[in-house]
Amino acid sequence: MSPGGTGAGPAVPAIIAGFPTLVEAFEVAGTPIALVTVRDLEQHVDRELLLHDESTVPPYWALVWGGARALAEHLVTRVECKGRSVLDVGCGLGLVALAASLRGALVTAIDRELAPIEFLQASAAINRVEVEVLVGDVVTASLERTFDLVLAADLLYERAEFDHLAEALSGLVAPDGTLWVADPQRVDTARFYAALERCGLSIREVGACELREENGVLRVRLIALGRG
């Protein structure tokens, strides 16, 4: 689908943050979501440069990760969102944030990079929803508020940062709130949950789903944590 081709809202710019755009139609458990993505993403990932230059960071934010797809579907089918304050951490293109907003949540989305935030803003416009957006690292950002639902999809990669991430996320969960983690276990994440427990969050619910990612099947754990 070409930019502006949904007919659902304003036209999408042909270029956002230096990347050509494409509007893709997603259906999350029966809920249609128009997502502004990077057109011909493979052309923007120089694999040879990645092999020879460790400082090169590809636009990982432009991928719709399996954890995000799993958590978005879980929100639509299993979690009461209407009227609740929601924080989508490391939102990327924003599929999870959009799903929550379309279900009636009051959504804030944060990402360390500006580019995905600009893509999310375009997606919010064509889906006719409001999403508050912030650029920053949740570990160092001072949001000065808590949320009913804190959502973390496919964030667990850097084990050295697990303690800091757990402390930051736990401080953002309201007293009666819930932290939802979509964890495909791409690395050993046991240390992260141990750190959350030290911060006062314990596991309340564990589920799992399987979905296709690239050429294989990805198993994603969906974990709810709360206080007490």
C-alpha atoms as a PDB file:
ATOM      1  CA  MET A   1       0.000   0.000   0.000  1.00  0.00           C
ATOM      2  CA  SER A   2       1.459   3.361  -0.968  1.00  0.00           C
ATOM      3  CA  PRO A   3       1.832   6.388   1.345  1.00  0.00           C
ATOM      4  CA  GLY A   4      -1.536   7.948   2.010  1.00  0.00           C
ATOM      5  CA  GLY A   5      -3.285   4.975   0.456  1.00  0.00           C
ATOM      6  CA  THR A   6      -5.475   3.884   3.367  1.00  0.00           C
ATOM      7  CA  GLY A   7      -8.112   6.605   3.001  1.00  0.00           C
ATOM      8  CA  ALA A   8      -8.409   6.496   6.798  1.00  0.00           C
ATOM      9  CA  GLY A   9      -6.752   9.812   7.557  1.00  0.00           C
ATOM     10  CA  PRO A  10      -4.245  12.377   6.353  1.00  0.00           C
ATOM     11  CA  ALA A  11      -1.717  11.509   3.668  1.00  0.00           C
ATOM     12  CA  VAL A  12       1.559  10.028   4.885  1.00  0.00           C
ATOM     13  CA  PRO A  13       4.749  11.859   3.886  1.00  0.00           C
ATOM     14  CA  ALA A  14       6.756  10.011   1.246  1.00  0.00           C
ATOM     15  CA  ILE A  15       9.892  10.480   3.372  1.00  0.00           C
ATOM     16  CA  ILE A  16      10.118  10.422   7.171  1.00  0.00           C
ATOM     17  CA  ALA A  17      13.440  10.855   9.007  1.00  0.00           C
ATOM     18  CA  GLY A  18      15.251  10.263   5.718  1.00  0.00           C
ATOM     19  CA  PHE A  19      13.502   6.946   5.002  1.00  0.00           C
ATOM     20  CA  PRO A  20      10.919   6.267   2.253  1.00  0.00           C
ATOM     21  CA  THR A  21       7.569   5.226   3.725  1.00  0.00           C
ATOM     22  CA  LEU A  22       5.104   2.452   3.123  1.00  0.00           C
ATOM     23  CA  VAL A  23       1.726   1.995   4.817  1.00  0.00           C
ATOM     24  CA  GLU A  24       1.160  -1.651   5.736  1.00  0.00           C
ATOM     25  CA  ALA A  25      -2.171  -3.066   6.796  1.00  0.00           C
ATOM     26  CA  PHE A  26      -1.999  -5.192   9.953  1.00  0.00           C
ATOM     27  CA  GLU A  27      -4.893  -7.065  11.523  1.00  0.00           C
ATOM     28  CA  VAL A  28      -4.423  -7.737  15.219  1.00  0.00           C
ATOM     29  CA  ALA A  29      -7.065 -10.162  16.479  1.00  0.00           C
ATOM     30  CA  GLY A  30      -9.644  -8.595  14.183  1.00  0.00           C
ATOM     31  CA  THR A  31      -8.551  -5.007  14.848  1.00  0.00           C
ATOM     32  CA  PRO A  32      -7.208  -3.330  11.689  1.00  0.00           C
ATOM     33  CA  ILE A  33      -4.111  -1.180  12.188  1.00  0.00           C
ATOM     34  CA  ALA A  34      -2.419   0.873   9.468  1.00  0.00           C
ATOM     35  CA  LEU A  35       1.294   0.981  10.244  1.00  0.00           C
ATOM     36  CA  VAL A  36       3.711   3.366   8.555  1.00  0.00           C
ATOM     37  CA  THR A  37       6.894   1.386   7.878  1.00  0.00           C
ATOM     38  CA  VAL A  38      10.161   1.818   5.969  1.00  0.00           C
ATOM     39  CA  ARG A  39       9.795   0.983   2.302  1.00  0.00           C
ATOM     40  CA  ASP A  40      12.387  -1.527   1.005  1.00  0.00           C
ATOM     41  CA  LEU A  41      13.968  -1.831   4.443  1.00  0.00           C
ATOM     42  CA  GLU A  42      16.610  -4.292   3.222  1.00  0.00           C
ATOM     43  CA  GLN A  43      18.152  -1.553   1.102  1.00  0.00           C
ATOM     44  CA  HIS A  44      18.913   0.385   4.269  1.00  0.00           C
ATOM     45  CA  VAL A  45      20.769  -2.463   5.962  1.00  0.00           C
ATOM     46  CA  ASP A  46      24.337  -2.698   4.626  1.00  0.00           C
ATOM     47  CA  ARG A  47      25.264  -6.223   5.663  1.00  0.00           C
ATOM     48  CA  GLU A  48      28.894  -5.932   4.502  1.00  0.00           C
ATOM     49  CA  LEU A  49      29.347  -2.775   6.541  1.00  0.00           C
ATOM     50  CA  LEU A  50      27.789  -4.476   9.558  1.00  0.00           C
ATOM     51  CA  LEU A  51      30.319  -7.310   9.272  1.00  0.00           C
ATOM     52  CA  HIS A  52      33.320  -4.982   9.154  1.00  0.00           C
ATOM     53  CA  ASP A  53      32.267  -2.012  11.271  1.00  0.00           C
ATOM     54  CA  GLU A  54      30.978  -2.778  14.760  1.00  0.00           C
ATOM     55  CA  SER A  55      30.038   0.875  15.261  1.00  0.00           C
ATOM     56  CA  THR A  56      27.385   0.628  12.544  1.00  0.00           C
ATOM     57  CA  VAL A  57      23.899   0.253  13.983  1.00  0.00           C
ATOM     58  CA  PRO A  58      21.142  -0.775  11.558  1.00  0.00           C
ATOM     59  CA  PRO A  59      17.621   0.650  11.996  1.00  0.00           C
ATOM     60  CA  TYR A  60      16.372  -2.157  14.231  1.00  0.00           C
ATOM     61  CA  TRP A  61      13.484   0.093  15.236  1.00  0.00           C
ATOM     62  CA  ALA A  62      12.101  -0.281  11.702  1.00  0.00           C
ATOM     63  CA  LEU A  63      11.439  -4.008  12.130  1.00  0.00           C
ATOM     64  CA  VAL A  64       8.083  -5.208  13.466  1.00  0.00           C
ATOM     65  CA  TRP A  65       9.462  -7.625  16.044  1.00  0.00           C
ATOM     66  CA  GLY A  66       7.693 -10.812  17.057  1.00  0.00           C
ATOM     67  CA  GLY A  67       7.391  -9.681  20.667  1.00  0.00           C
ATOM     68  CA  ALA A  68       5.521  -6.567  19.583  1.00  0.00           C
ATOM     69  CA  ARG A  69       3.099  -8.573  17.453  1.00  0.00           C
ATOM     70  CA  ALA A  70       2.464 -10.998  20.313  1.00  0.00           C
ATOM     71  CA  LEU A  71       1.898  -8.266  22.901  1.00  0.00           C
ATOM     72  CA  ALA A  72      -0.350  -6.245  20.590  1.00  0.00           C
ATOM     73  CA  GLU A  73      -2.598  -9.263  20.062  1.00  0.00           C
ATOM     74  CA  HIS A  74      -2.581 -10.003  23.795  1.00  0.00           C
ATOM     75  CA  LEU A  75      -3.700  -6.456  24.561  1.00  0.00           C
ATOM     76  CA  VAL A  76      -6.557  -6.675  22.083  1.00  0.00           C
ATOM     77  CA  THR A  77      -7.816 -10.046  23.280  1.00  0.00           C
ATOM     78  CA  ARG A  78      -6.927 -10.348  26.975  1.00  0.00           C
ATOM     79  CA  VAL A  79      -6.194  -7.016  28.650  1.00  0.00           C
ATOM     80  CA  GLU A  80      -8.654  -4.301  29.662  1.00  0.00           C
ATOM     81  CA  CYS A  81      -7.233  -1.104  28.172  1.00  0.00           C
ATOM     82  CA  LYS A  82     -10.125   1.360  28.058  1.00  0.00           C
ATOM     83  CA  GLY A  83      -9.463   4.467  30.117  1.00  0.00           C
ATOM     84  CA  ARG A  84      -6.168   3.165  31.505  1.00  0.00           C
ATOM     85  CA  SER A  85      -2.859   4.990  31.299  1.00  0.00           C
ATOM     86  CA  VAL A  86      -0.326   3.036  29.249  1.00  0.00           C
ATOM     87  CA  LEU A  87       3.412   3.430  28.645  1.00  0.00           C
ATOM     88  CA  ASP A  88       4.932   1.601  25.657  1.00  0.00           C
ATOM     89  CA  VAL A  89       8.673   1.372  26.323  1.00  0.00           C
ATOM     90  CA  GLY A  90      11.035   1.143  23.363  1.00  0.00           C
ATOM     91  CA  CYS A  91       8.022   1.524  21.111  1.00  0.00           C
ATOM     92  CA  GLY A  92       9.754   1.253  17.737  1.00  0.00           C
ATOM     93  CA  LEU A  93       7.214   1.689  14.952  1.00  0.00           C
ATOM     94  CA  GLY A  94       4.471   1.598  17.579  1.00  0.00           C
ATOM     95  CA  LEU A  95       2.299  -1.423  16.825  1.00  0.00           C
ATOM     96  CA  VAL A  96       1.764  -2.058  20.565  1.00  0.00           C
ATOM     97  CA  ALA A  97       1.025   1.607  21.308  1.00  0.00           C
ATOM     98  CA  LEU A  98      -1.491   1.791  18.457  1.00  0.00           C
ATOM     99  CA  ALA A  99      -3.230  -1.419  19.554  1.00  0.00           C
ATOM    100  CA  ALA A 100      -3.623  -0.079  23.093  1.00  0.00           C
ATOM    101  CA  SER A 101      -4.862   3.296  21.867  1.00  0.00           C
ATOM    102  CA  LEU A 102      -7.420   1.724  19.546  1.00  0.00           C
ATOM    103  CA  ARG A 103      -8.699  -0.208  22.575  1.00  0.00           C
ATOM    104  CA  GLY A 104      -9.327   3.055  24.421  1.00  0.00           C
ATOM    105  CA  ALA A 105      -6.144   3.459  26.463  1.00  0.00           C
ATOM    106  CA  LEU A 106      -4.428   6.769  27.164  1.00  0.00           C
ATOM    107  CA  VAL A 107      -1.085   5.940  25.598  1.00  0.00           C
ATOM    108  CA  THR A 108       2.408   7.361  26.001  1.00  0.00           C
ATOM    109  CA  ALA A 109       5.195   5.879  23.856  1.00  0.00           C
ATOM    110  CA  ILE A 110       8.916   6.356  24.378  1.00  0.00           C
ATOM    111  CA  ASP A 111      11.908   5.383  22.262  1.00  0.00           C
ATOM    112  CA  ARG A 112      15.585   6.302  22.372  1.00  0.00           C
ATOM    113  CA  GLU A 113      15.582   7.406  18.730  1.00  0.00           C
ATOM    114  CA  LEU A 114      13.626  10.168  17.033  1.00  0.00           C
ATOM    115  CA  ALA A 115      13.005   8.329  13.750  1.00  0.00           C
ATOM    116  CA  PRO A 116      10.585   5.678  15.095  1.00  0.00           C
ATOM    117  CA  ILE A 117       8.721   8.364  17.035  1.00  0.00           C
ATOM    118  CA  GLU A 118       8.146  10.271  13.793  1.00  0.00           C
ATOM    119  CA  PHE A 119       6.884   7.092  12.110  1.00  0.00           C
ATOM    120  CA  LEU A 120       4.555   6.415  15.050  1.00  0.00           C
ATOM    121  CA  GLN A 121       3.149   9.933  14.850  1.00  0.00           C
ATOM    122  CA  ALA A 122       2.298   9.345  11.183  1.00  0.00           C
ATOM    123  CA  SER A 123       0.631   6.025  12.033  1.00  0.00           C
ATOM    124  CA  ALA A 124      -1.382   7.590  14.851  1.00  0.00           C
ATOM    125  CA  ALA A 125      -2.667  10.250  12.468  1.00  0.00           C
ATOM    126  CA  ILE A 126      -3.928   7.815   9.848  1.00  0.00           C
ATOM    127  CA  ASN A 127      -5.494   5.586  12.515  1.00  0.00           C
ATOM    128  CA  ARG A 128      -7.164   8.653  14.041  1.00  0.00           C
ATOM    129  CA  VAL A 129      -5.838   8.043  17.551  1.00  0.00           C
ATOM    130  CA  GLU A 130      -3.827  10.162  19.954  1.00  0.00           C
ATOM    131  CA  VAL A 131      -0.511   8.915  21.310  1.00  0.00           C
ATOM    132  CA  GLU A 132       1.766  11.038  23.472  1.00  0.00           C
ATOM    133  CA  VAL A 133       5.331  10.523  22.249  1.00  0.00           C
ATOM    134  CA  LEU A 134       8.651  10.994  24.019  1.00  0.00           C
ATOM    135  CA  VAL A 135      12.231  10.640  22.817  1.00  0.00           C
ATOM    136  CA  GLY A 136      14.571   9.295  25.471  1.00  0.00           C
ATOM    137  CA  ASP A 137      16.016   6.309  27.292  1.00  0.00           C
ATOM    138  CA  VAL A 138      13.553   5.061  29.896  1.00  0.00           C
ATOM    139  CA  VAL A 139      16.481   4.257  32.216  1.00  0.00           C
ATOM    140  CA  THR A 140      17.559   7.894  32.428  1.00  0.00           C
ATOM    141  CA  ALA A 141      14.378   9.784  31.553  1.00  0.00           C
ATOM    142  CA  SER A 142      12.449  11.512  34.354  1.00  0.00           C
ATOM    143  CA  LEU A 143       8.781  10.900  33.539  1.00  0.00           C
ATOM    144  CA  GLU A 144       7.655  11.848  37.078  1.00  0.00           C
ATOM    145  CA  ARG A 145       4.487   9.747  36.905  1.00  0.00           C
ATOM    146  CA  THR A 146       3.327   6.156  36.936  1.00  0.00           C
ATOM    147  CA  PHE A 147       1.106   4.150  34.617  1.00  0.00           C
ATOM    148  CA  ASP A 148      -1.613   1.532  34.947  1.00  0.00           C
ATOM    149  CA  LEU A 149       0.060  -0.578  32.277  1.00  0.00           C
ATOM    150  CA  VAL A 150       3.738  -0.530  31.372  1.00  0.00           C
ATOM    151  CA  LEU A 151       4.473  -2.489  28.200  1.00  0.00           C
ATOM    152  CA  ALA A 152       7.873  -3.894  27.266  1.00  0.00           C
ATOM    153  CA  ALA A 153       7.972  -5.917  24.043  1.00  0.00           C
ATOM    154  CA  ASP A 154      11.211  -7.479  22.810  1.00  0.00           C
ATOM    155  CA  LEU A 155      13.449  -5.214  24.909  1.00  0.00           C
ATOM    156  CA  LEU A 156      15.682  -7.758  26.618  1.00  0.00           C
ATOM    157  CA  TYR A 157      19.001  -7.952  24.793  1.00  0.00           C
ATOM    158  CA  GLU A 158      21.725  -6.257  26.856  1.00  0.00           C
ATOM    159  CA  ARG A 159      22.153  -8.367  29.990  1.00  0.00           C
ATOM    160  CA  ALA A 160      24.514  -5.833  31.536  1.00  0.00           C
ATOM    161  CA  GLU A 161      21.610  -3.361  31.571  1.00  0.00           C
ATOM    162  CA  PHE A 162      18.969  -5.666  33.084  1.00  0.00           C
ATOM    163  CA  ASP A 163      19.324  -4.300  36.622  1.00  0.00           C
ATOM    164  CA  HIS A 164      19.019  -0.676  35.496  1.00  0.00           C
ATOM    165  CA  LEU A 165      16.088  -1.468  33.192  1.00  0.00           C
ATOM    166  CA  ALA A 166      14.252  -3.384  35.919  1.00  0.00           C
ATOM    167  CA  GLU A 167      14.667  -0.501  38.366  1.00  0.00           C
ATOM    168  CA  ALA A 168      13.395   2.018  35.802  1.00  0.00           C
ATOM    169  CA  LEU A 169      10.378  -0.042  34.756  1.00  0.00           C
ATOM    170  CA  SER A 170       9.353  -0.889  38.314  1.00  0.00           C
ATOM    171  CA  GLY A 171       9.342   2.801  39.189  1.00  0.00           C
ATOM    172  CA  LEU A 172       6.892   3.522  36.356  1.00  0.00           C
ATOM    173  CA  VAL A 173       4.247   0.971  37.410  1.00  0.00           C
ATOM    174  CA  ALA A 174       1.381   2.441  39.439  1.00  0.00           C
ATOM    175  CA  PRO A 175       0.692   0.846  42.866  1.00  0.00           C
ATOM    176  CA  ASP A 176      -2.134  -1.243  41.401  1.00  0.00           C
ATOM    177  CA  GLY A 177      -0.606  -1.364  37.922  1.00  0.00           C
ATOM    178  CA  THR A 178       0.874  -4.123  35.805  1.00  0.00           C
ATOM    179  CA  LEU A 179       4.079  -4.526  33.855  1.00  0.00           C
ATOM    180  CA  TRP A 180       3.565  -6.679  30.762  1.00  0.00           C
ATOM    181  CA  VAL A 181       6.706  -8.165  29.217  1.00  0.00           C
ATOM    182  CA  ALA A 182       6.755  -9.909  25.836  1.00  0.00           C
ATOM    183  CA  ASP A 183       9.917 -11.997  26.046  1.00  0.00           C
ATOM    184  CA  PRO A 184      11.062 -14.174  23.103  1.00  0.00           C
ATOM    185  CA  GLN A 185      14.101 -15.161  25.234  1.00  0.00           C
ATOM    186  CA  ARG A 186      16.626 -14.202  22.576  1.00  0.00           C
ATOM    187  CA  VAL A 187      19.121 -14.175  25.476  1.00  0.00           C
ATOM    188  CA  ASP A 188      18.959 -15.614  29.004  1.00  0.00           C
ATOM    189  CA  THR A 189      16.560 -13.230  30.771  1.00  0.00           C
ATOM    190  CA  ALA A 190      16.398 -14.833  34.231  1.00  0.00           C
ATOM    191  CA  ARG A 191      18.524 -12.035  35.723  1.00  0.00           C
ATOM    192  CA  PHE A 192      15.989  -9.443  34.579  1.00  0.00           C
ATOM    193  CA  TYR A 193      13.085 -11.053  36.469  1.00  0.00           C
ATOM    194  CA  ALA A 194      15.235 -11.508  39.561  1.00  0.00           C
ATOM    195  CA  ALA A 195      16.022  -7.790  39.407  1.00  0.00           C
ATOM    196  CA  LEU A 196      12.307  -6.948  39.082  1.00  0.00           C
ATOM    197  CA  GLU A 197      11.565  -9.049  42.165  1.00  0.00           C
ATOM    198  CA  ARG A 198      14.171  -7.121  44.133  1.00  0.00           C
ATOM    199  CA  CYS A 199      12.380  -3.949  43.013  1.00  0.00           C
ATOM    200  CA  GLY A 200       9.070  -5.215  44.409  1.00  0.00           C
ATOM    201  CA  LEU A 201       7.428  -6.695  41.302  1.00  0.00           C
ATOM    202  CA  SER A 202       6.454 -10.355  41.281  1.00  0.00           C
ATOM    203  CA  ILE A 203       5.114 -12.526  38.483  1.00  0.00           C
ATOM    204  CA  ARG A 204       1.315 -12.804  38.452  1.00  0.00           C
ATOM    205  CA  GLU A 205       0.656 -14.488  35.144  1.00  0.00           C
ATOM    206  CA  VAL A 206       2.669 -16.297  32.477  1.00  0.00           C
ATOM    207  CA  GLY A 207       1.432 -17.208  29.026  1.00  0.00           C
ATOM    208  CA  ALA A 208       3.047 -18.005  25.705  1.00  0.00           C
ATOM    209  CA  CYS A 209       2.343 -17.955  22.017  1.00  0.00           C
ATOM    210  CA  GLU A 210       4.112 -19.023  18.857  1.00  0.00           C
ATOM    211  CA  LEU A 211       4.345 -17.027  15.650  1.00  0.00           C
ATOM    212  CA  ARG A 212       6.367 -16.923  12.477  1.00  0.00           C
ATOM    213  CA  GLU A 213       9.467 -14.728  12.353  1.00  0.00           C
ATOM    214  CA  GLU A 214      11.627 -14.801   9.233  1.00  0.00           C
ATOM    215  CA  ASN A 215      12.208 -18.492   8.429  1.00  0.00           C
ATOM    216  CA  GLY A 216      11.310 -20.016  11.764  1.00  0.00           C
ATOM    217  CA  VAL A 217       8.834 -20.214  14.628  1.00  0.00           C
ATOM    218  CA  LEU A 218       9.284 -17.830  17.527  1.00  0.00           C
ATOM    219  CA  ARG A 219       7.961 -18.658  20.998  1.00  0.00           C
ATOM    220  CA  VAL A 220       7.123 -15.532  22.986  1.00  0.00           C
ATOM    221  CA  ARG A 221       6.450 -15.567  26.725  1.00  0.00           C
ATOM    222  CA  LEU A 222       3.860 -13.028  27.910  1.00  0.00           C
ATOM    223  CA  ILE A 223       4.515 -12.192  31.539  1.00  0.00           C
ATOM    224  CA  ALA A 224       2.483  -9.947  33.852  1.00  0.00           C
ATOM    225  CA  LEU A 225       4.138  -8.558  36.963  1.00  0.00           C
ATOM    226  CA  GLY A 226       2.706  -6.475  39.798  1.00  0.00           C
ATOM    227  CA  ARG A 227       3.247  -5.489  43.393  1.00  0.00           C
ATOM    228  CA  GLY A 228       2.299  -7.618  46.349  1.00  0.00           C
END
